[in-house]
PDB file of N, CA and C in Angstrom:
ATOM      1  N   UNK A   1       0.805  -1.203   0.004  1.00  0.00           N
ATOM      2  CA  UNK A   1       0.000   0.004   0.000  1.00  0.00           C
ATOM      3  C   UNK A   1       0.859   1.262   0.002  1.00  0.00           C
ATOM      4  N   UNK A   2       2.005   1.198   0.660  1.00  0.00           N
ATOM      5  CA  UNK A   2       2.915   2.342   0.650  1.00  0.00           C
ATOM      6  C   UNK A   2       3.358   2.633  -0.783  1.00  0.00           C
ATOM      7  N   UNK A   3       3.596   1.574  -1.530  1.00  0.00           N
ATOM      8  CA  UNK A   3       4.013   1.725  -2.934  1.00  0.00           C
ATOM      9  C   UNK A   3       2.904   2.398  -3.730  1.00  0.00           C
ATOM     10  N   UNK A   4       1.634   2.048  -3.468  1.00  0.00           N
ATOM     11  CA  UNK A   4       0.501   2.660  -4.158  1.00  0.00           C
ATOM     12  C   UNK A   4       0.462   4.159  -3.863  1.00  0.00           C
ATOM     13  N   UNK A   5       0.672   4.506  -2.595  1.00  0.00           N
ATOM     14  CA  UNK A   5       0.684   5.942  -2.243  1.00  0.00           C
ATOM     15  C   UNK A   5       1.799   6.666  -2.987  1.00  0.00           C
ATOM     16  N   UNK A   6       2.978   6.063  -3.002  1.00  0.00           N
ATOM     17  CA  UNK A   6       4.104   6.679  -3.730  1.00  0.00           C
ATOM     18  C   UNK A   6       3.806   6.843  -5.197  1.00  0.00           C
ATOM     19  N   UNK A   7       3.196   5.818  -5.803  1.00  0.00           N
ATOM     20  CA  UNK A   7       2.849   5.894  -7.228  1.00  0.00           C
ATOM     21  C   UNK A   7       1.815   6.996  -7.476  1.00  0.00           C
ATOM     22  N   UNK A   8       0.797   7.069  -6.614  1.00  0.00           N
ATOM     23  CA  UNK A   8      -0.222   8.112  -6.754  1.00  0.00           C
ATOM     24  C   UNK A   8       0.386   9.504  -6.628  1.00  0.00           C
ATOM     25  N   UNK A   9       1.271   9.682  -5.656  1.00  0.00           N
ATOM     26  CA  UNK A   9       1.913  10.984  -5.445  1.00  0.00           C
ATOM     27  C   UNK A   9       2.792  11.363  -6.636  1.00  0.00           C
ATOM     28  N   UNK A  10       3.589  10.407  -7.127  1.00  0.00           N
ATOM     29  CA  UNK A  10       4.458  10.708  -8.279  1.00  0.00           C
ATOM     30  C   UNK A  10       3.622  11.063  -9.510  1.00  0.00           C
ATOM     31  N   UNK A  11       2.540  10.314  -9.750  1.00  0.00           N
ATOM     32  CA  UNK A  11       1.686  10.587 -10.902  1.00  0.00           C
ATOM     33  C   UNK A  11       1.063  11.984 -10.793  1.00  0.00           C
ATOM     34  N   UNK A  12       0.639  12.346  -9.609  1.00  0.00           N
ATOM     35  CA  UNK A  12       0.036  13.669  -9.425  1.00  0.00           C
ATOM     36  C   UNK A  12       1.068  14.764  -9.623  1.00  0.00           C
ATOM     37  N   UNK A  13       2.252  14.555  -9.098  1.00  0.00           N
ATOM     38  CA  UNK A  13       3.338  15.550  -9.255  1.00  0.00           C
ATOM     39  C   UNK A  13       3.638  15.773 -10.727  1.00  0.00           C
ATOM     40  N   UNK A  14       3.705  14.684 -11.479  1.00  0.00           N
ATOM     41  CA  UNK A  14       3.944  14.815 -12.926  1.00  0.00           C
ATOM     42  C   UNK A  14       2.784  15.532 -13.618  1.00  0.00           C
ATOM     43  N   UNK A  15       1.573  15.252 -13.180  1.00  0.00           N
ATOM     44  CA  UNK A  15       0.398  15.902 -13.759  1.00  0.00           C
ATOM     45  C   UNK A  15       0.431  17.408 -13.519  1.00  0.00           C
ATOM     46  N   UNK A  16       0.750  17.820 -12.293  1.00  0.00           N
ATOM     47  CA  UNK A  16       0.827  19.263 -11.993  1.00  0.00           C
ATOM     48  C   UNK A  16       1.954  19.909 -12.779  1.00  0.00           C
ATOM     49  N   UNK A  17       3.075  19.203 -12.863  1.00  0.00           N
ATOM     50  CA  UNK A  17       4.228  19.732 -13.630  1.00  0.00           C
ATOM     51  C   UNK A  17       3.831  19.947 -15.097  1.00  0.00           C
ATOM     52  N   UNK A  18       3.101  18.981 -15.655  1.00  0.00           N
ATOM     53  CA  UNK A  18       2.682  19.080 -17.060  1.00  0.00           C
ATOM     54  C   UNK A  18       1.660  20.214 -17.236  1.00  0.00           C
ATOM     55  N   UNK A  19       0.686  20.298 -16.342  1.00  0.00           N
ATOM     56  CA  UNK A  19      -0.316  21.367 -16.435  1.00  0.00           C
ATOM     57  C   UNK A  19       0.346  22.740 -16.346  1.00  0.00           C
ATOM     58  N   UNK A  20       1.298  22.873 -15.445  1.00  0.00           N
ATOM     59  CA  UNK A  20       2.010  24.129 -15.277  1.00  0.00           C
ATOM     60  C   UNK A  20       2.806  24.463 -16.531  1.00  0.00           C
ATOM     61  N   UNK A  21       3.465  23.456 -17.110  1.00  0.00           N
ATOM     62  CA  UNK A  21       4.263  23.673 -18.309  1.00  0.00           C
ATOM     63  C   UNK A  21       3.378  24.090 -19.489  1.00  0.00           C
ATOM     64  N   UNK A  22       2.261  23.399 -19.669  1.00  0.00           N
ATOM     65  CA  UNK A  22       1.328  23.734 -20.758  1.00  0.00           C
ATOM     66  C   UNK A  22       0.792  25.149 -20.560  1.00  0.00           C
ATOM     67  N   UNK A  23       0.430  25.476 -19.332  1.00  0.00           N
ATOM     68  CA  UNK A  23      -0.077  26.820 -19.039  1.00  0.00           C
ATOM     69  C   UNK A  23       0.973  27.872 -19.349  1.00  0.00           C
ATOM     70  N   UNK A  24       2.197  27.669 -18.865  1.00  0.00           N
ATOM     71  CA  UNK A  24       3.262  28.657 -19.065  1.00  0.00           C
ATOM     72  C   UNK A  24       3.698  28.771 -20.513  1.00  0.00           C
ATOM     73  N   UNK A  25       3.550  27.707 -21.310  1.00  0.00           N
ATOM     74  CA  UNK A  25       3.866  27.787 -22.736  1.00  0.00           C
ATOM     75  C   UNK A  25       2.928  28.755 -23.446  1.00  0.00           C
ATOM     76  N   UNK A  26       1.722  28.923 -22.947  1.00  0.00           N
ATOM     77  CA  UNK A  26       0.753  29.822 -23.582  1.00  0.00           C
ATOM     78  C   UNK A  26       0.804  31.252 -23.083  1.00  0.00           C
ATOM     79  N   UNK A  27       1.678  31.522 -22.137  1.00  0.00           N
ATOM     80  CA  UNK A  27       1.783  32.857 -21.548  1.00  0.00           C
ATOM     81  C   UNK A  27       2.964  33.603 -22.171  1.00  0.00           C
ATOM     82  N   UNK A  28       2.721  34.857 -22.508  1.00  0.00           N
ATOM     83  CA  UNK A  28       3.770  35.702 -23.073  1.00  0.00           C
ATOM     84  C   UNK A  28       4.848  35.968 -22.017  1.00  0.00           C
ATOM     85  N   UNK A  29       6.115  35.702 -22.346  1.00  0.00           N
ATOM     86  CA  UNK A  29       7.174  35.890 -21.346  1.00  0.00           C
ATOM     87  C   UNK A  29       7.547  37.359 -21.093  1.00  0.00           C
ATOM     88  N   UNK A  30       7.031  38.262 -21.919  1.00  0.00           N
ATOM     89  CA  UNK A  30       7.341  39.668 -21.749  1.00  0.00           C
ATOM     90  C   UNK A  30       6.573  40.216 -20.534  1.00  0.00           C
ATOM     91  N   UNK A  31       7.296  40.764 -19.585  1.00  0.00           N
ATOM     92  CA  UNK A  31       6.675  41.333 -18.389  1.00  0.00           C
ATOM     93  C   UNK A  31       6.814  42.848 -18.439  1.00  0.00           C
ATOM     94  N   UNK A  32       5.696  43.518 -18.685  1.00  0.00           N
ATOM     95  CA  UNK A  32       5.702  44.977 -18.615  1.00  0.00           C
ATOM     96  C   UNK A  32       5.524  45.452 -17.190  1.00  0.00           C
ATOM     97  N   UNK A  33       4.849  44.635 -16.396  1.00  0.00           N
ATOM     98  CA  UNK A  33       4.668  44.914 -14.956  1.00  0.00           C
ATOM     99  C   UNK A  33       5.306  43.752 -14.214  1.00  0.00           C
ATOM    100  N   UNK A  34       6.255  44.032 -13.414  1.00  0.00           N
ATOM    101  CA  UNK A  34       6.954  42.972 -12.672  1.00  0.00           C
ATOM    102  C   UNK A  34       6.081  42.527 -11.504  1.00  0.00           C
ATOM    103  N   UNK A  35       5.816  41.221 -11.465  1.00  0.00           N
ATOM    104  CA  UNK A  35       5.002  40.645 -10.405  1.00  0.00           C
ATOM    105  C   UNK A  35       5.888  40.034  -9.342  1.00  0.00           C
ATOM    106  N   UNK A  36       5.695  40.450  -8.118  1.00  0.00           N
ATOM    107  CA  UNK A  36       6.431  39.881  -6.994  1.00  0.00           C
ATOM    108  C   UNK A  36       5.425  39.408  -5.964  1.00  0.00           C
ATOM    109  N   UNK A  37       5.379  38.091  -5.714  1.00  0.00           N
ATOM    110  CA  UNK A  37       4.451  37.593  -4.693  1.00  0.00           C
ATOM    111  C   UNK A  37       4.798  38.194  -3.335  1.00  0.00           C
ATOM    112  N   UNK A  38       3.785  38.524  -2.573  1.00  0.00           N
ATOM    113  CA  UNK A  38       4.039  39.180  -1.285  1.00  0.00           C
ATOM    114  C   UNK A  38       3.767  38.264  -0.104  1.00  0.00           C
ATOM    115  N   UNK A  39       3.666  36.974  -0.343  1.00  0.00           N
ATOM    116  CA  UNK A  39       3.334  36.065   0.756  1.00  0.00           C
ATOM    117  C   UNK A  39       4.322  34.909   0.855  1.00  0.00           C
ATOM    118  N   UNK A  40       5.601  35.190   0.728  1.00  0.00           N
ATOM    119  CA  UNK A  40       6.601  34.140   0.874  1.00  0.00           C
ATOM    120  C   UNK A  40       6.657  33.670   2.322  1.00  0.00           C
ATOM    121  N   UNK A  41       6.690  32.357   2.469  1.00  0.00           N
ATOM    122  CA  UNK A  41       6.807  31.757   3.802  1.00  0.00           C
ATOM    123  C   UNK A  41       7.996  30.831   3.807  1.00  0.00           C
ATOM    124  N   UNK A  42       8.831  30.999   4.797  1.00  0.00           N
ATOM    125  CA  UNK A  42       9.971  30.113   4.963  1.00  0.00           C
ATOM    126  C   UNK A  42       9.570  29.014   5.945  1.00  0.00           C
ATOM    127  N   UNK A  43      10.023  27.811   5.655  1.00  0.00           N
ATOM    128  CA  UNK A  43       9.765  26.718   6.586  1.00  0.00           C
ATOM    129  C   UNK A  43      10.979  25.810   6.623  1.00  0.00           C
ATOM    130  N   UNK A  44      11.113  25.154   7.740  1.00  0.00           N
ATOM    131  CA  UNK A  44      12.256  24.259   7.948  1.00  0.00           C
ATOM    132  C   UNK A  44      11.796  22.832   7.699  1.00  0.00           C
ATOM    133  N   UNK A  45      12.567  22.106   6.922  1.00  0.00           N
ATOM    134  CA  UNK A  45      12.277  20.701   6.670  1.00  0.00           C
ATOM    135  C   UNK A  45      13.287  19.878   7.464  1.00  0.00           C
ATOM    136  N   UNK A  46      12.781  19.034   8.306  1.00  0.00           N
ATOM    137  CA  UNK A  46      13.638  18.162   9.115  1.00  0.00           C
ATOM    138  C   UNK A  46      13.968  16.922   8.286  1.00  0.00           C
ATOM    139  N   UNK A  47      15.186  16.879   7.772  1.00  0.00           N
ATOM    140  CA  UNK A  47      15.608  15.804   6.874  1.00  0.00           C
ATOM    141  C   UNK A  47      15.460  14.418   7.492  1.00  0.00           C
ATOM    142  N   UNK A  48      15.653  14.312   8.789  1.00  0.00           N
ATOM    143  CA  UNK A  48      15.583  12.996   9.441  1.00  0.00           C
ATOM    144  C   UNK A  48      14.163  12.463   9.498  1.00  0.00           C
ATOM    145  N   UNK A  49      13.164  13.279   9.229  1.00  0.00           N
ATOM    146  CA  UNK A  49      11.761  12.865   9.271  1.00  0.00           C
ATOM    147  C   UNK A  49      11.216  12.524   7.879  1.00  0.00           C
ATOM    148  N   UNK A  50      12.022  12.671   6.861  1.00  0.00           N
ATOM    149  CA  UNK A  50      11.526  12.487   5.496  1.00  0.00           C
ATOM    150  C   UNK A  50      11.601  11.056   5.026  1.00  0.00           C
ATOM    151  N   UNK A  51      10.573  10.670   4.298  1.00  0.00           N
ATOM    152  CA  UNK A  51      10.545   9.413   3.573  1.00  0.00           C
ATOM    153  C   UNK A  51      10.294   9.781   2.110  1.00  0.00           C
ATOM    154  N   UNK A  52      10.446   8.849   1.185  1.00  0.00           N
ATOM    155  CA  UNK A  52      10.160   9.204  -0.215  1.00  0.00           C
ATOM    156  C   UNK A  52       8.723   9.711  -0.413  1.00  0.00           C
ATOM    157  N   UNK A  53       7.789   9.128   0.297  1.00  0.00           N
ATOM    158  CA  UNK A  53       6.389   9.519   0.125  1.00  0.00           C
ATOM    159  C   UNK A  53       6.092  10.916   0.656  1.00  0.00           C
ATOM    160  N   UNK A  54       6.554  11.209   1.876  1.00  0.00           N
ATOM    161  CA  UNK A  54       6.242  12.560   2.367  1.00  0.00           C
ATOM    162  C   UNK A  54       7.109  13.617   1.698  1.00  0.00           C
ATOM    163  N   UNK A  55       8.272  13.231   1.171  1.00  0.00           N
ATOM    164  CA  UNK A  55       9.062  14.156   0.369  1.00  0.00           C
ATOM    165  C   UNK A  55       8.289  14.546  -0.894  1.00  0.00           C
ATOM    166  N   UNK A  56       7.687  13.546  -1.535  1.00  0.00           N
ATOM    167  CA  UNK A  56       6.896  13.824  -2.742  1.00  0.00           C
ATOM    168  C   UNK A  56       5.691  14.685  -2.417  1.00  0.00           C
ATOM    169  N   UNK A  57       5.069  14.464  -1.268  1.00  0.00           N
ATOM    170  CA  UNK A  57       3.931  15.283  -0.870  1.00  0.00           C
ATOM    171  C   UNK A  57       4.355  16.744  -0.674  1.00  0.00           C
ATOM    172  N   UNK A  58       5.491  16.981  -0.063  1.00  0.00           N
ATOM    173  CA  UNK A  58       6.004  18.348   0.089  1.00  0.00           C
ATOM    174  C   UNK A  58       6.261  18.951  -1.293  1.00  0.00           C
ATOM    175  N   UNK A  59       6.853  18.164  -2.185  1.00  0.00           N
ATOM    176  CA  UNK A  59       7.120  18.671  -3.535  1.00  0.00           C
ATOM    177  C   UNK A  59       5.826  19.015  -4.275  1.00  0.00           C
ATOM    178  N   UNK A  60       4.761  18.243  -4.022  1.00  0.00           N
ATOM    179  CA  UNK A  60       3.471  18.543  -4.633  1.00  0.00           C
ATOM    180  C   UNK A  60       2.964  19.885  -4.140  1.00  0.00           C
ATOM    181  N   UNK A  61       3.005  20.109  -2.825  1.00  0.00           N
ATOM    182  CA  UNK A  61       2.544  21.389  -2.289  1.00  0.00           C
ATOM    183  C   UNK A  61       3.379  22.548  -2.822  1.00  0.00           C
ATOM    184  N   UNK A  62       4.671  22.353  -2.969  1.00  0.00           N
ATOM    185  CA  UNK A  62       5.528  23.403  -3.528  1.00  0.00           C
ATOM    186  C   UNK A  62       5.193  23.662  -4.988  1.00  0.00           C
ATOM    187  N   UNK A  63       4.947  22.610  -5.768  1.00  0.00           N
ATOM    188  CA  UNK A  63       4.582  22.767  -7.176  1.00  0.00           C
ATOM    189  C   UNK A  63       3.242  23.478  -7.306  1.00  0.00           C
ATOM    190  N   UNK A  64       2.300  23.144  -6.420  1.00  0.00           N
ATOM    191  CA  UNK A  64       0.997  23.817  -6.437  1.00  0.00           C
ATOM    192  C   UNK A  64       1.176  25.312  -6.150  1.00  0.00           C
ATOM    193  N   UNK A  65       2.033  25.624  -5.197  1.00  0.00           N
ATOM    194  CA  UNK A  65       2.297  27.015  -4.844  1.00  0.00           C
ATOM    195  C   UNK A  65       2.859  27.772  -6.041  1.00  0.00           C
ATOM    196  N   UNK A  66       3.832  27.180  -6.722  1.00  0.00           N
ATOM    197  CA  UNK A  66       4.430  27.818  -7.906  1.00  0.00           C
ATOM    198  C   UNK A  66       3.370  28.032  -8.987  1.00  0.00           C
ATOM    199  N   UNK A  67       2.521  27.028  -9.210  1.00  0.00           N
ATOM    200  CA  UNK A  67       1.500  27.139 -10.239  1.00  0.00           C
ATOM    201  C   UNK A  67       0.505  28.250  -9.899  1.00  0.00           C
ATOM    202  N   UNK A  68       0.085  28.322  -8.658  1.00  0.00           N
ATOM    203  CA  UNK A  68      -0.874  29.367  -8.266  1.00  0.00           C
ATOM    204  C   UNK A  68      -0.208  30.750  -8.351  1.00  0.00           C
ATOM    205  N   UNK A  69       1.069  30.843  -8.024  1.00  0.00           N
ATOM    206  CA  UNK A  69       1.789  32.114  -8.210  1.00  0.00           C
ATOM    207  C   UNK A  69       1.827  32.481  -9.687  1.00  0.00           C
ATOM    208  N   UNK A  70       2.070  31.487 -10.558  1.00  0.00           N
ATOM    209  CA  UNK A  70       2.068  31.746 -11.998  1.00  0.00           C
ATOM    210  C   UNK A  70       0.689  32.231 -12.473  1.00  0.00           C
ATOM    211  N   UNK A  71      -0.379  31.672 -11.915  1.00  0.00           N
ATOM    212  CA  UNK A  71      -1.732  32.119 -12.263  1.00  0.00           C
ATOM    213  C   UNK A  71      -1.934  33.580 -11.843  1.00  0.00           C
ATOM    214  N   UNK A  72      -1.498  33.916 -10.638  1.00  0.00           N
ATOM    215  CA  UNK A  72      -1.627  35.293 -10.171  1.00  0.00           C
ATOM    216  C   UNK A  72      -0.790  36.265 -10.996  1.00  0.00           C
ATOM    217  N   UNK A  73       0.386  35.796 -11.415  1.00  0.00           N
ATOM    218  CA  UNK A  73       1.249  36.610 -12.271  1.00  0.00           C
ATOM    219  C   UNK A  73       0.559  36.859 -13.620  1.00  0.00           C
ATOM    220  N   UNK A  74      -0.053  35.821 -14.193  1.00  0.00           N
ATOM    221  CA  UNK A  74      -0.755  35.943 -15.462  1.00  0.00           C
ATOM    222  C   UNK A  74      -1.948  36.892 -15.327  1.00  0.00           C
ATOM    223  N   UNK A  75      -2.652  36.820 -14.223  1.00  0.00           N
ATOM    224  CA  UNK A  75      -3.756  37.743 -13.961  1.00  0.00           C
ATOM    225  C   UNK A  75      -3.242  39.177 -13.861  1.00  0.00           C
ATOM    226  N   UNK A  76      -2.172  39.368 -13.123  1.00  0.00           N
ATOM    227  CA  UNK A  76      -1.566  40.679 -12.911  1.00  0.00           C
ATOM    228  C   UNK A  76      -1.126  41.314 -14.230  1.00  0.00           C
ATOM    229  N   UNK A  77      -0.619  40.470 -15.152  1.00  0.00           N
ATOM    230  CA  UNK A  77      -0.106  40.977 -16.429  1.00  0.00           C
ATOM    231  C   UNK A  77      -1.129  40.934 -17.557  1.00  0.00           C
ATOM    232  N   UNK A  78      -2.381  40.634 -17.248  1.00  0.00           N
ATOM    233  CA  UNK A  78      -3.434  40.683 -18.253  1.00  0.00           C
ATOM    234  C   UNK A  78      -3.534  39.459 -19.137  1.00  0.00           C
ATOM    235  N   UNK A  79      -2.801  38.411 -18.835  1.00  0.00           N
ATOM    236  CA  UNK A  79      -2.839  37.183 -19.634  1.00  0.00           C
ATOM    237  C   UNK A  79      -4.106  36.370 -19.347  1.00  0.00           C
ATOM    238  N   UNK A  80      -4.682  36.566 -18.180  1.00  0.00           N
ATOM    239  CA  UNK A  80      -5.908  35.901 -17.774  1.00  0.00           C
ATOM    240  C   UNK A  80      -6.847  36.934 -17.171  1.00  0.00           C
ATOM    241  N   UNK A  81      -8.157  36.663 -17.268  1.00  0.00           N
ATOM    242  CA  UNK A  81      -9.079  37.475 -16.478  1.00  0.00           C
ATOM    243  C   UNK A  81      -9.342  36.719 -15.165  1.00  0.00           C
ATOM    244  N   UNK A  82     -10.039  37.342 -14.242  1.00  0.00           N
ATOM    245  CA  UNK A  82     -10.190  36.729 -12.923  1.00  0.00           C
ATOM    246  C   UNK A  82     -10.987  35.428 -12.967  1.00  0.00           C
ATOM    247  N   UNK A  83     -11.960  35.317 -13.891  1.00  0.00           N
ATOM    248  CA  UNK A  83     -12.717  34.063 -14.009  1.00  0.00           C
ATOM    249  C   UNK A  83     -11.845  32.929 -14.516  1.00  0.00           C
ATOM    250  N   UNK A  84     -10.993  33.217 -15.481  1.00  0.00           N
ATOM    251  CA  UNK A  84     -10.085  32.188 -16.016  1.00  0.00           C
ATOM    252  C   UNK A  84      -9.106  31.730 -14.939  1.00  0.00           C
ATOM    253  N   UNK A  85      -8.544  32.703 -14.222  1.00  0.00           N
ATOM    254  CA  UNK A  85      -7.616  32.376 -13.156  1.00  0.00           C
ATOM    255  C   UNK A  85      -8.285  31.511 -12.100  1.00  0.00           C
ATOM    256  N   UNK A  86      -9.502  31.893 -11.730  1.00  0.00           N
ATOM    257  CA  UNK A  86     -10.248  31.147 -10.717  1.00  0.00           C
ATOM    258  C   UNK A  86     -10.561  29.729 -11.200  1.00  0.00           C
ATOM    259  N   UNK A  87     -10.880  29.578 -12.478  1.00  0.00           N
ATOM    260  CA  UNK A  87     -11.164  28.249 -13.022  1.00  0.00           C
ATOM    261  C   UNK A  87      -9.934  27.354 -12.979  1.00  0.00           C
ATOM    262  N   UNK A  88      -8.793  27.870 -13.387  1.00  0.00           N
ATOM    263  CA  UNK A  88      -7.544  27.099 -13.301  1.00  0.00           C
ATOM    264  C   UNK A  88      -7.234  26.713 -11.848  1.00  0.00           C
ATOM    265  N   UNK A  89      -7.330  27.702 -10.978  1.00  0.00           N
ATOM    266  CA  UNK A  89      -6.980  27.480  -9.571  1.00  0.00           C
ATOM    267  C   UNK A  89      -7.924  26.475  -8.922  1.00  0.00           C
ATOM    268  N   UNK A  90      -9.216  26.630  -9.162  1.00  0.00           N
ATOM    269  CA  UNK A  90     -10.190  25.698  -8.610  1.00  0.00           C
ATOM    270  C   UNK A  90      -9.952  24.289  -9.137  1.00  0.00           C
ATOM    271  N   UNK A  91      -9.620  24.199 -10.411  1.00  0.00           N
ATOM    272  CA  UNK A  91      -9.347  22.893 -11.008  1.00  0.00           C
ATOM    273  C   UNK A  91      -8.207  22.170 -10.334  1.00  0.00           C
ATOM    274  N   UNK A  92      -7.075  22.845 -10.163  1.00  0.00           N
ATOM    275  CA  UNK A  92      -5.921  22.162  -9.547  1.00  0.00           C
ATOM    276  C   UNK A  92      -6.146  21.899  -8.065  1.00  0.00           C
ATOM    277  N   UNK A  93      -6.864  22.791  -7.379  1.00  0.00           N
ATOM    278  CA  UNK A  93      -7.146  22.543  -5.967  1.00  0.00           C
ATOM    279  C   UNK A  93      -8.121  21.383  -5.786  1.00  0.00           C
ATOM    280  N   UNK A  94      -9.075  21.236  -6.703  1.00  0.00           N
ATOM    281  CA  UNK A  94      -9.971  20.075  -6.649  1.00  0.00           C
ATOM    282  C   UNK A  94      -9.202  18.781  -6.908  1.00  0.00           C
ATOM    283  N   UNK A  95      -8.248  18.829  -7.845  1.00  0.00           N
ATOM    284  CA  UNK A  95      -7.419  17.642  -8.099  1.00  0.00           C
ATOM    285  C   UNK A  95      -6.610  17.290  -6.864  1.00  0.00           C
ATOM    286  N   UNK A  96      -6.072  18.297  -6.177  1.00  0.00           N
ATOM    287  CA  UNK A  96      -5.308  18.063  -4.964  1.00  0.00           C
ATOM    288  C   UNK A  96      -6.197  17.462  -3.873  1.00  0.00           C
ATOM    289  N   UNK A  97      -7.405  17.998  -3.724  1.00  0.00           N
ATOM    290  CA  UNK A  97      -8.338  17.464  -2.719  1.00  0.00           C
ATOM    291  C   UNK A  97      -8.644  16.002  -3.008  1.00  0.00           C
ATOM    292  N   UNK A  98      -8.846  15.677  -4.274  1.00  0.00           N
ATOM    293  CA  UNK A  98      -9.124  14.284  -4.655  1.00  0.00           C
ATOM    294  C   UNK A  98      -7.918  13.389  -4.309  1.00  0.00           C
ATOM    295  N   UNK A  99      -6.720  13.857  -4.625  1.00  0.00           N
ATOM    296  CA  UNK A  99      -5.516  13.093  -4.297  1.00  0.00           C
ATOM    297  C   UNK A  99      -5.424  12.850  -2.798  1.00  0.00           C
ATOM    298  N   UNK A 100      -5.632  13.880  -2.008  1.00  0.00           N
ATOM    299  CA  UNK A 100      -5.530  13.744  -0.549  1.00  0.00           C
ATOM    300  C   UNK A 100      -6.603  12.795  -0.007  1.00  0.00           C
ATOM    301  N   UNK A 101      -7.787  12.832  -0.591  1.00  0.00           N
ATOM    302  CA  UNK A 101      -8.843  11.887  -0.181  1.00  0.00           C
ATOM    303  C   UNK A 101      -8.419  10.461  -0.508  1.00  0.00           C
ATOM    304  N   UNK A 102      -7.824  10.258  -1.675  1.00  0.00           N
ATOM    305  CA  UNK A 102      -7.344   8.930  -2.080  1.00  0.00           C
ATOM    306  C   UNK A 102      -6.256   8.434  -1.146  1.00  0.00           C
ATOM    307  N   UNK A 103      -5.304   9.296  -0.830  1.00  0.00           N
ATOM    308  CA  UNK A 103      -4.219   8.907   0.077  1.00  0.00           C
ATOM    309  C   UNK A 103      -4.784   8.591   1.456  1.00  0.00           C
ATOM    310  N   UNK A 104      -5.726   9.402   1.921  1.00  0.00           N
ATOM    311  CA  UNK A 104      -6.346   9.145   3.225  1.00  0.00           C
ATOM    312  C   UNK A 104      -7.066   7.795   3.241  1.00  0.00           C
ATOM    313  N   UNK A 105      -7.823   7.499   2.205  1.00  0.00           N
ATOM    314  CA  UNK A 105      -8.542   6.220   2.118  1.00  0.00           C
ATOM    315  C   UNK A 105      -7.563   5.059   2.099  1.00  0.00           C
ATOM    316  N   UNK A 106      -6.490   5.191   1.339  1.00  0.00           N
ATOM    317  CA  UNK A 106      -5.483   4.144   1.287  1.00  0.00           C
ATOM    318  C   UNK A 106      -4.853   3.917   2.661  1.00  0.00           C
ATOM    319  N   UNK A 107      -4.553   5.014   3.355  1.00  0.00           N
ATOM    320  CA  UNK A 107      -3.964   4.898   4.698  1.00  0.00           C
ATOM    321  C   UNK A 107      -4.940   4.232   5.679  1.00  0.00           C
ATOM    322  N   UNK A 108      -6.200   4.605   5.616  1.00  0.00           N
ATOM    323  CA  UNK A 108      -7.206   3.999   6.495  1.00  0.00           C
ATOM    324  C   UNK A 108      -7.306   2.500   6.205  1.00  0.00           C
ATOM    325  N   UNK A 109      -7.357   2.127   4.929  1.00  0.00           N
ATOM    326  CA  UNK A 109      -7.409   0.704   4.564  1.00  0.00           C
ATOM    327  C   UNK A 109      -6.182  -0.045   5.069  1.00  0.00           C
ATOM    328  N   UNK A 110      -5.016   0.593   4.947  1.00  0.00           N
ATOM    329  CA  UNK A 110      -3.776  -0.026   5.417  1.00  0.00           C
ATOM    330  C   UNK A 110      -3.827  -0.276   6.925  1.00  0.00           C
ATOM    331  N   UNK A 111      -4.272   0.717   7.663  1.00  0.00           N
ATOM    332  CA  UNK A 111      -4.322   0.568   9.128  1.00  0.00           C
ATOM    333  C   UNK A 111      -5.379  -0.451   9.552  1.00  0.00           C
ATOM    334  N   UNK A 112      -6.499  -0.514   8.830  1.00  0.00           N
ATOM    335  CA  UNK A 112      -7.501  -1.545   9.126  1.00  0.00           C
ATOM    336  C   UNK A 112      -6.913  -2.934   8.885  1.00  0.00           C
ATOM    337  N   UNK A 113      -6.173  -3.094   7.800  1.00  0.00           N
ATOM    338  CA  UNK A 113      -5.546  -4.380   7.490  1.00  0.00           C
ATOM    339  C   UNK A 113      -4.532  -4.757   8.566  1.00  0.00           C
ATOM    340  N   UNK A 114      -3.703  -3.822   8.958  1.00  0.00           N
ATOM    341  CA  UNK A 114      -2.710  -4.085  10.016  1.00  0.00           C
ATOM    342  C   UNK A 114      -3.387  -4.448  11.327  1.00  0.00           C
ATOM    343  N   UNK A 115      -4.464  -3.744  11.651  1.00  0.00           N
ATOM    344  CA  UNK A 115      -5.169  -4.011  12.905  1.00  0.00           C
ATOM    345  C   UNK A 115      -5.796  -5.402  12.872  1.00  0.00           C
ATOM    346  N   UNK A 116      -6.405  -5.762  11.753  1.00  0.00           N
ATOM    347  CA  UNK A 116      -7.029  -7.090  11.655  1.00  0.00           C
ATOM    348  C   UNK A 116      -5.981  -8.182  11.719  1.00  0.00           C
ATOM    349  N   UNK A 117      -4.805  -7.953  11.140  1.00  0.00           N
ATOM    350  CA  UNK A 117      -3.733  -8.950  11.204  1.00  0.00           C
ATOM    351  C   UNK A 117      -3.175  -9.078  12.619  1.00  0.00           C
ATOM    352  N   UNK A 118      -3.074  -7.964  13.340  1.00  0.00           N
ATOM    353  CA  UNK A 118      -2.551  -8.034  14.706  1.00  0.00           C
ATOM    354  C   UNK A 118      -3.564  -8.679  15.658  1.00  0.00           C
ATOM    355  N   UNK A 119      -4.856  -8.532  15.367  1.00  0.00           N
ATOM    356  CA  UNK A 119      -5.878  -9.163  16.200  1.00  0.00           C
ATOM    357  C   UNK A 119      -5.933 -10.674  15.970  1.00  0.00           C
ATOM    358  N   UNK A 120      -5.529 -11.123  14.790  1.00  0.00           N
ATOM    359  CA  UNK A 120      -5.507 -12.556  14.497  1.00  0.00           C
ATOM    360  C   UNK A 120      -4.312 -13.241  15.139  1.00  0.00           C
ATOM    361  N   UNK A 121      -3.233 -12.479  15.313  1.00  0.00           N
ATOM    362  CA  UNK A 121      -1.973 -13.050  15.793  1.00  0.00           C
ATOM    363  C   UNK A 121      -1.868 -13.014  17.244  1.00  0.00           C
TER     364      UNK A 121
END
């Protein structure tokens, strides 16, 4: 089941990367107005607590952040209107919610299986 979670996370990360790439290919690289996000947050990652699966989950959240910043930049520079930006953003956030629900269900199933096996033994 851990392998399934890893596969789901990697597939989602690739999907977000592809969506971001396709989106950015359609955006004019000329910036007449320089966009600077004003909500940078620094956080510390404890390397000793990382596994491949939670590393991928952190990378997914970081990729989502970059994509949403790109959407805001496109809105700021007139490449998107607010409805288009909202549609893109809602779409990727819904995909993320679905992924997290899937991971949660897989984890619950895994723990139920472990519990039933420990009760038999």
